[in-house]
Amino acid sequence: MISLPGLTIPTRRPEIAAAVLRTFAHFVDRGMIPNRFPDEGTVPEYNTADATLWFFEAIRAHHAAYADDELLAELFPLLADIIDWHVRGTRDRIGLDRGDGLLRAGTPTTQLTWMDVRVRGWVVTPRSGKPVEINALWYNALQSMASFAHRLGKPAERYEAMAAAARAGFRRFWYEDGQYLYDVIDGPRGVDPTLRPNQIFAVSLPHSPLTPEQQHAVVRACARSLLTSVGLRSLTPTHPDYAPRYIGSLLHRDGAYHQGTVWAWLIGPFASAFYRLTNDNAATRRLLIPLIDHLADGCIGTISEIFDGDPPHHPRGCFAQAWSVAEVLRVWYDLSTHRSVVE
């Protein structure tokens, strides 16, 4: 779902995007899309809190590009049912907290966000509670639903009210002393002030729950501690658990995966957030140049999954990664065609 807009809109492949969206819609169960189809053809797996919310954003981006009202009308009842499932609660304690309008998810032993490593019972990045990007995506999904409803001539008041509640509740993520967003609130240990890149989505998504001042502060915090030439670090280098290199045994590499390792795909949301605040096409384009240069120094013609946290940021992991390619292509296309990076 993250890769779909970048791989199908710049390449003008609406029929492929629509087919993918319809396929995943077919497999929605208890308000969730699957995050894995096992190779052996057994039942799909549903163990992520963010994939379904990215489904909304993929549909929004597709409609913004192609104005496919037929697909939107076809999927709208399913999207409404997905919202209902999240309100009453679905798998893995994913559900709405009516007290603050935010989504909670997970337990201390589950990994439901994209930072999903669990090895030998070790939950490397525990994020149960209310993760910041899950709730940025939730707010974006609710606002998108209100827009979809208006487009289709359907009642939008419920989604607008829920979005307003989520925006008000999102104020709880603001970490005043650090001038950035908590990574998780209402977790087993209360709030988690660890500086991670997950907060950037509260600025980069089309609908932001933050004030302009907070948006600027979040981008500054990410630029100061997480931004590299090839993406964002998954953890600030000042944290005691920071891993500067993705090397060693499988256990060591799993331990470093989201503990400082740079993820190329995160340059997309950072660039979108940066452009949203500066409207500086040339400066935003410069953020992407090192990864475009990387097309000739790794696996020729594509972009790696991850890089070491410390310079010289050696490429690691999967040498041809869909969301790395997609996010660079998405932003470059928008800048090249003078489209708004944030709709």
Protein backbone atom coordinates (compact mmCIF):
# COMPACT_ATOMS: atom_id res chain seq x y z
CA MET A 1 0.00 0.00 0.00
CA ILE A 2 2.91 2.35 0.68
CA SER A 3 4.53 1.47 -2.63
CA LEU A 4 1.41 1.54 -4.79
CA PRO A 5 1.09 5.30 -5.50
CA GLY A 6 4.76 5.74 -6.42
CA LEU A 7 4.86 2.67 -8.64
CA THR A 8 1.62 3.27 -10.52
CA ILE A 9 0.90 7.01 -10.70
CA PRO A 10 4.18 8.28 -12.22
CA THR A 11 4.22 5.26 -14.55
CA ARG A 12 0.58 5.83 -15.56
CA ARG A 13 -0.64 2.35 -14.67
CA PRO A 14 -4.08 2.98 -13.15
CA GLU A 15 -5.40 -0.41 -14.17
CA ILE A 16 -2.67 -2.17 -12.17
CA ALA A 17 -3.36 -0.01 -9.12
CA ALA A 18 -7.09 -0.66 -9.34
CA ALA A 19 -6.50 -4.41 -9.66
CA VAL A 20 -4.26 -4.45 -6.60
CA LEU A 21 -6.76 -2.43 -4.57
CA ARG A 22 -9.64 -4.71 -5.59
CA THR A 23 -7.59 -7.80 -4.77
CA PHE A 24 -6.80 -6.63 -1.27
CA ALA A 25 -10.40 -5.50 -0.81
CA HIS A 26 -11.47 -9.07 -1.56
CA PHE A 27 -9.36 -10.32 1.36
CA VAL A 28 -10.50 -7.79 3.98
CA ASP A 29 -11.48 -9.64 7.13
CA ARG A 30 -12.70 -8.09 10.39
CA GLY A 31 -11.78 -4.68 9.08
CA MET A 32 -8.19 -5.54 8.14
CA ILE A 33 -6.29 -6.21 4.95
CA PRO A 34 -3.71 -9.02 5.07
CA ASN A 35 -0.07 -8.10 5.38
CA ARG A 36 1.20 -11.44 4.13
CA PHE A 37 0.09 -14.11 1.71
CA PRO A 38 2.03 -17.30 2.55
CA ASP A 39 3.88 -18.86 -0.37
CA GLU A 40 2.22 -22.22 0.18
CA GLY A 41 -1.23 -20.77 -0.45
CA THR A 42 -2.67 -21.11 3.04
CA VAL A 43 -4.81 -18.45 4.68
CA PRO A 44 -3.52 -14.86 4.64
CA GLU A 45 -2.03 -13.36 7.80
CA TYR A 46 -3.50 -10.34 9.52
CA ASN A 47 -1.07 -8.97 12.09
CA THR A 48 -0.40 -5.32 11.38
CA ALA A 49 -2.09 -2.14 12.57
CA ASP A 50 -0.91 0.11 9.75
CA ALA A 51 -1.46 -1.77 6.47
CA THR A 52 -5.21 -1.18 6.47
CA LEU A 53 -4.75 2.52 7.16
CA TRP A 54 -2.27 2.76 4.29
CA PHE A 55 -5.02 1.15 2.15
CA PHE A 56 -7.06 4.33 2.65
CA GLU A 57 -4.13 6.50 1.59
CA ALA A 58 -3.46 4.39 -1.50
CA ILE A 59 -7.10 4.78 -2.53
CA ARG A 60 -6.99 8.53 -1.87
CA ALA A 61 -3.82 8.95 -3.95
CA HIS A 62 -5.23 6.84 -6.78
CA HIS A 63 -8.45 8.87 -6.87
CA ALA A 64 -6.56 12.17 -6.70
CA ALA A 65 -4.55 11.10 -9.76
CA TYR A 66 -7.26 9.43 -11.85
CA ALA A 67 -10.63 10.59 -10.46
CA ASP A 68 -11.84 6.99 -10.61
CA ASP A 69 -15.28 7.52 -9.08
CA GLU A 70 -16.39 4.03 -10.09
CA LEU A 71 -13.68 2.38 -8.00
CA LEU A 72 -14.28 4.79 -5.14
CA ALA A 73 -18.01 4.03 -5.10
CA GLU A 74 -17.27 0.30 -5.26
CA LEU A 75 -14.89 0.39 -2.29
CA PHE A 76 -16.66 2.97 -0.12
CA PRO A 77 -19.01 0.52 1.69
CA LEU A 78 -16.03 -1.66 2.52
CA LEU A 79 -14.07 1.33 3.81
CA ALA A 80 -17.03 2.30 5.99
CA ASP A 81 -17.09 -1.23 7.40
CA ILE A 82 -13.37 -1.05 8.11
CA ILE A 83 -13.91 2.12 10.13
CA ASP A 84 -16.72 0.39 12.04
CA TRP A 85 -14.44 -2.54 12.88
CA HIS A 86 -11.79 -0.20 14.20
CA VAL A 87 -14.38 1.56 16.33
CA ARG A 88 -15.61 -1.63 17.99
CA GLY A 89 -12.22 -3.35 17.96
CA THR A 90 -10.60 -6.05 15.89
CA ARG A 91 -7.60 -8.39 16.15
CA ASP A 92 -4.66 -7.83 18.47
CA ARG A 93 -6.45 -5.20 20.53
CA ILE A 94 -6.58 -2.80 17.60
CA GLY A 95 -9.43 -0.45 18.33
CA LEU A 96 -10.68 3.02 19.15
CA ASP A 97 -10.24 4.60 22.56
CA ARG A 98 -13.41 6.63 22.84
CA GLY A 99 -11.81 8.72 25.53
CA ASP A 100 -9.42 10.49 23.19
CA GLY A 101 -10.46 9.41 19.68
CA LEU A 102 -7.15 7.61 19.06
CA LEU A 103 -6.34 4.04 18.05
CA ARG A 104 -4.65 1.65 20.42
CA ALA A 105 -2.96 -1.52 19.22
CA GLY A 106 -1.03 -4.51 20.42
CA THR A 107 0.37 -6.08 23.55
CA PRO A 108 3.90 -6.12 24.99
CA THR A 109 4.63 -9.30 23.00
CA THR A 110 3.19 -8.29 19.61
CA GLN A 111 4.75 -6.21 16.83
CA LEU A 112 2.04 -4.55 14.75
CA THR A 113 3.81 -1.57 13.16
CA TRP A 114 6.40 -1.49 10.39
CA MET A 115 9.04 -1.74 13.14
CA ASP A 116 8.10 -5.38 13.51
CA VAL A 117 11.16 -7.41 14.55
CA ARG A 118 10.59 -10.11 17.14
CA VAL A 119 13.29 -12.75 17.42
CA ARG A 120 13.55 -15.58 19.95
CA GLY A 121 10.87 -13.91 22.02
CA TRP A 122 12.73 -10.59 22.00
CA VAL A 123 10.54 -7.66 20.96
CA VAL A 124 13.27 -5.33 19.73
CA THR A 125 11.18 -2.16 19.42
CA PRO A 126 8.16 -2.54 21.75
CA ARG A 127 5.47 -0.12 20.53
CA SER A 128 2.21 -1.42 21.97
CA GLY A 129 -0.20 1.28 23.08
CA LYS A 130 -0.85 4.19 20.73
CA PRO A 131 1.97 4.55 18.18
CA VAL A 132 2.30 7.99 16.65
CA GLU A 133 2.19 6.99 12.97
CA ILE A 134 -0.82 4.71 13.49
CA ASN A 135 -2.77 7.68 14.76
CA ALA A 136 -1.48 10.03 12.08
CA LEU A 137 -2.74 7.45 9.58
CA TRP A 138 -6.04 7.08 11.47
CA TYR A 139 -6.65 10.83 11.32
CA ASN A 140 -5.73 10.87 7.63
CA ALA A 141 -8.09 7.96 6.94
CA LEU A 142 -10.99 9.67 8.70
CA GLN A 143 -10.45 12.91 6.80
CA SER A 144 -10.16 10.95 3.57
CA MET A 145 -13.44 9.18 4.34
CA ALA A 146 -15.15 12.52 4.84
CA SER A 147 -13.81 13.68 1.47
CA PHE A 148 -14.87 10.41 -0.19
CA ALA A 149 -18.35 10.81 1.25
CA HIS A 150 -18.68 14.35 -0.06
CA ARG A 151 -17.48 13.21 -3.49
CA LEU A 152 -20.07 10.43 -3.60
CA GLY A 153 -22.90 12.49 -2.15
CA LYS A 154 -23.01 10.51 1.09
CA PRO A 155 -23.21 11.73 4.70
CA ALA A 156 -19.82 12.84 5.96
CA GLU A 157 -20.67 14.23 9.39
CA ARG A 158 -19.70 11.11 11.33
CA TYR A 159 -16.23 10.96 9.80
CA GLU A 160 -15.72 14.68 10.28
CA ALA A 161 -16.65 14.38 13.95
CA MET A 162 -14.36 11.39 14.45
CA ALA A 163 -11.52 13.23 12.73
CA ALA A 164 -12.03 16.24 14.99
CA ALA A 165 -11.88 13.98 18.04
CA ALA A 166 -8.71 12.30 16.76
CA ARG A 167 -7.10 15.66 16.09
CA ALA A 168 -7.88 16.82 19.60
CA GLY A 169 -6.57 13.57 21.06
CA PHE A 170 -3.42 13.79 18.95
CA ARG A 171 -2.32 16.76 21.04
CA ARG A 172 -1.30 14.19 23.64
CA PHE A 173 1.63 13.18 21.44
CA TRP A 174 3.32 16.57 21.73
CA TYR A 175 6.52 16.34 23.80
CA GLU A 176 6.99 19.92 24.91
CA ASP A 177 10.45 19.50 26.43
CA GLY A 178 11.83 17.83 23.30
CA GLN A 179 9.83 19.87 20.78
CA TYR A 180 8.82 16.75 18.86
CA LEU A 181 6.29 13.92 19.12
CA TYR A 182 6.30 10.97 21.49
CA ASP A 183 6.80 7.74 19.60
CA VAL A 184 4.12 5.93 21.66
CA ILE A 185 1.67 7.02 24.31
CA ASP A 186 -0.38 4.90 26.72
CA GLY A 187 2.09 2.05 26.43
CA PRO A 188 2.99 -0.35 29.24
CA ARG A 189 5.50 2.25 30.51
CA GLY A 190 3.39 5.31 29.76
CA VAL A 191 4.88 7.58 27.10
CA ASP A 192 7.94 6.77 25.00
CA PRO A 193 9.96 9.92 24.17
CA THR A 194 12.43 8.03 21.95
CA LEU A 195 13.24 10.15 18.90
CA ARG A 196 12.25 8.06 15.89
CA PRO A 197 11.13 8.86 12.32
CA ASN A 198 7.55 7.61 12.81
CA GLN A 199 6.46 11.13 13.75
CA ILE A 200 7.23 12.47 10.25
CA PHE A 201 3.94 11.03 8.93
CA ALA A 202 2.04 13.51 11.09
CA VAL A 203 3.44 16.15 8.72
CA SER A 204 3.81 14.31 5.43
CA LEU A 205 0.36 12.78 5.07
CA PRO A 206 -2.20 14.92 3.23
CA HIS A 207 -4.16 15.61 6.41
CA SER A 208 -2.00 16.68 9.34
CA PRO A 209 -3.31 16.85 12.92
CA LEU A 210 -0.53 19.26 13.93
CA THR A 211 -0.34 23.04 14.06
CA PRO A 212 2.04 24.70 11.57
CA GLU A 213 4.46 25.43 14.42
CA GLN A 214 4.48 21.78 15.48
CA GLN A 215 4.96 20.65 11.89
CA HIS A 216 8.08 22.80 11.60
CA ALA A 217 9.39 21.51 14.93
CA VAL A 218 8.93 17.86 13.90
CA VAL A 219 10.75 18.39 10.60
CA ARG A 220 13.58 20.18 12.42
CA ALA A 221 13.92 17.36 14.95
CA CYS A 222 14.04 14.70 12.22
CA ALA A 223 16.48 16.73 10.13
CA ARG A 224 18.76 17.34 13.09
CA SER A 225 19.00 13.75 14.38
CA LEU A 226 17.69 11.31 11.77
CA LEU A 227 18.25 12.67 8.27
CA THR A 228 21.09 11.22 6.20
CA SER A 229 21.91 11.42 2.50
CA VAL A 230 20.09 8.12 1.85
CA GLY A 231 17.05 8.24 4.12
CA LEU A 232 16.11 8.58 7.78
CA ARG A 233 17.69 6.72 10.66
CA SER A 234 15.27 4.57 12.60
CA LEU A 235 16.66 5.85 15.91
CA THR A 236 18.60 8.91 17.01
CA PRO A 237 22.37 8.30 17.37
CA THR A 238 22.26 9.75 20.89
CA HIS A 239 20.16 6.84 22.16
CA PRO A 240 22.07 4.14 24.08
CA ASP A 241 20.55 1.42 21.87
CA TYR A 242 21.69 3.05 18.62
CA ALA A 243 23.28 0.53 16.24
CA PRO A 244 25.64 2.22 13.75
CA ARG A 245 26.12 -0.80 11.48
CA TYR A 246 23.79 -3.47 10.14
CA ILE A 247 26.32 -6.31 10.31
CA GLY A 248 27.06 -9.56 12.09
CA SER A 249 24.88 -12.55 12.90
CA LEU A 250 21.18 -12.68 12.16
CA LEU A 251 20.49 -11.83 15.80
CA HIS A 252 22.77 -8.80 15.66
CA ARG A 253 21.26 -7.64 12.39
CA ASP A 254 17.71 -8.07 13.68
CA GLY A 255 18.72 -6.05 16.71
CA ALA A 256 19.97 -3.22 14.50
CA TYR A 257 17.15 -3.27 11.93
CA HIS A 258 15.08 -0.52 13.56
CA GLN A 259 17.64 0.76 16.03
CA GLY A 260 19.51 3.27 13.92
CA THR A 261 19.63 1.60 10.52
CA VAL A 262 18.73 4.05 7.74
CA TRP A 263 15.60 3.26 5.71
CA ALA A 264 15.61 4.66 2.19
CA TRP A 265 11.81 4.76 1.84
CA LEU A 266 11.55 7.30 4.65
CA ILE A 267 13.15 9.96 2.45
CA GLY A 268 9.75 10.14 0.71
CA PRO A 269 7.69 11.28 3.70
CA PHE A 270 10.51 13.53 4.89
CA ALA A 271 10.72 15.19 1.46
CA SER A 272 6.93 15.57 1.35
CA ALA A 273 6.95 17.17 4.80
CA PHE A 274 9.86 19.44 3.88
CA TYR A 275 8.16 20.57 0.69
CA ARG A 276 4.88 21.13 2.50
CA LEU A 277 6.58 23.62 4.80
CA THR A 278 9.02 25.29 2.40
CA ASN A 279 7.48 24.99 -1.07
CA ASP A 280 11.10 24.85 -2.24
CA ASN A 281 11.20 22.56 -5.26
CA ALA A 282 14.95 22.70 -5.80
CA ALA A 283 15.87 22.03 -2.16
CA THR A 284 13.41 19.14 -1.97
CA ARG A 285 14.84 17.67 -5.16
CA ARG A 286 18.33 17.80 -3.66
CA LEU A 287 17.17 15.50 -0.85
CA LEU A 288 16.58 12.78 -3.46
CA ILE A 289 19.78 13.12 -5.53
CA PRO A 290 21.96 10.74 -3.45
CA LEU A 291 19.43 7.93 -3.82
CA ILE A 292 19.14 8.59 -7.54
CA ASP A 293 22.95 8.35 -7.70
CA HIS A 294 22.63 5.06 -5.80
CA LEU A 295 20.85 3.63 -8.86
CA ALA A 296 24.34 3.14 -10.30
CA ASP A 297 26.25 1.94 -7.24
CA GLY A 298 24.20 -0.88 -5.76
CA CYS A 299 21.95 -3.18 -7.73
CA ILE A 300 21.97 -1.26 -11.01
CA GLY A 301 18.73 0.57 -11.66
CA THR A 302 17.09 0.13 -8.27
CA ILE A 303 17.34 1.24 -4.63
CA SER A 304 18.34 -0.74 -1.56
CA GLU A 305 16.13 -1.37 1.44
CA ILE A 306 18.44 -0.05 4.15
CA PHE A 307 21.84 1.53 4.83
CA ASP A 308 24.16 1.68 7.81
CA GLY A 309 23.26 4.38 10.30
CA ASP A 310 26.79 5.80 10.35
CA PRO A 311 28.68 7.12 7.32
CA PRO A 312 29.54 6.07 4.69
CA HIS A 313 26.04 4.51 4.89
CA HIS A 314 26.88 1.24 3.17
CA PRO A 315 23.80 -0.32 1.50
CA ARG A 316 22.44 -3.38 3.29
CA GLY A 317 19.46 -5.71 3.30
CA CYS A 318 17.34 -6.25 0.22
CA PHE A 319 19.17 -4.75 -2.77
CA ALA A 320 15.96 -3.93 -4.71
CA GLN A 321 13.18 -2.65 -2.49
CA ALA A 322 9.75 -1.61 -3.78
CA TRP A 323 8.96 1.12 -1.28
CA SER A 324 12.45 2.65 -1.58
CA VAL A 325 11.97 2.99 -5.33
CA ALA A 326 8.33 4.04 -5.01
CA GLU A 327 8.85 6.87 -2.54
CA VAL A 328 11.72 8.43 -4.45
CA LEU A 329 9.75 8.13 -7.69
CA ARG A 330 6.58 9.53 -6.13
CA VAL A 331 8.22 12.70 -4.85
CA TRP A 332 10.43 13.20 -7.92
CA TYR A 333 7.40 12.89 -10.19
CA ASP A 334 5.38 15.36 -8.16
CA LEU A 335 8.21 17.87 -8.19
CA SER A 336 8.89 17.38 -11.90
CA THR A 337 5.25 17.86 -12.86
CA HIS A 338 4.70 20.66 -10.34
CA ARG A 339 2.08 18.57 -8.58
CA SER A 340 1.56 19.25 -4.90
CA VAL A 341 3.50 16.65 -2.94
CA VAL A 342 0.82 16.91 -0.29
CA GLU A 343 -2.64 16.99 -1.78
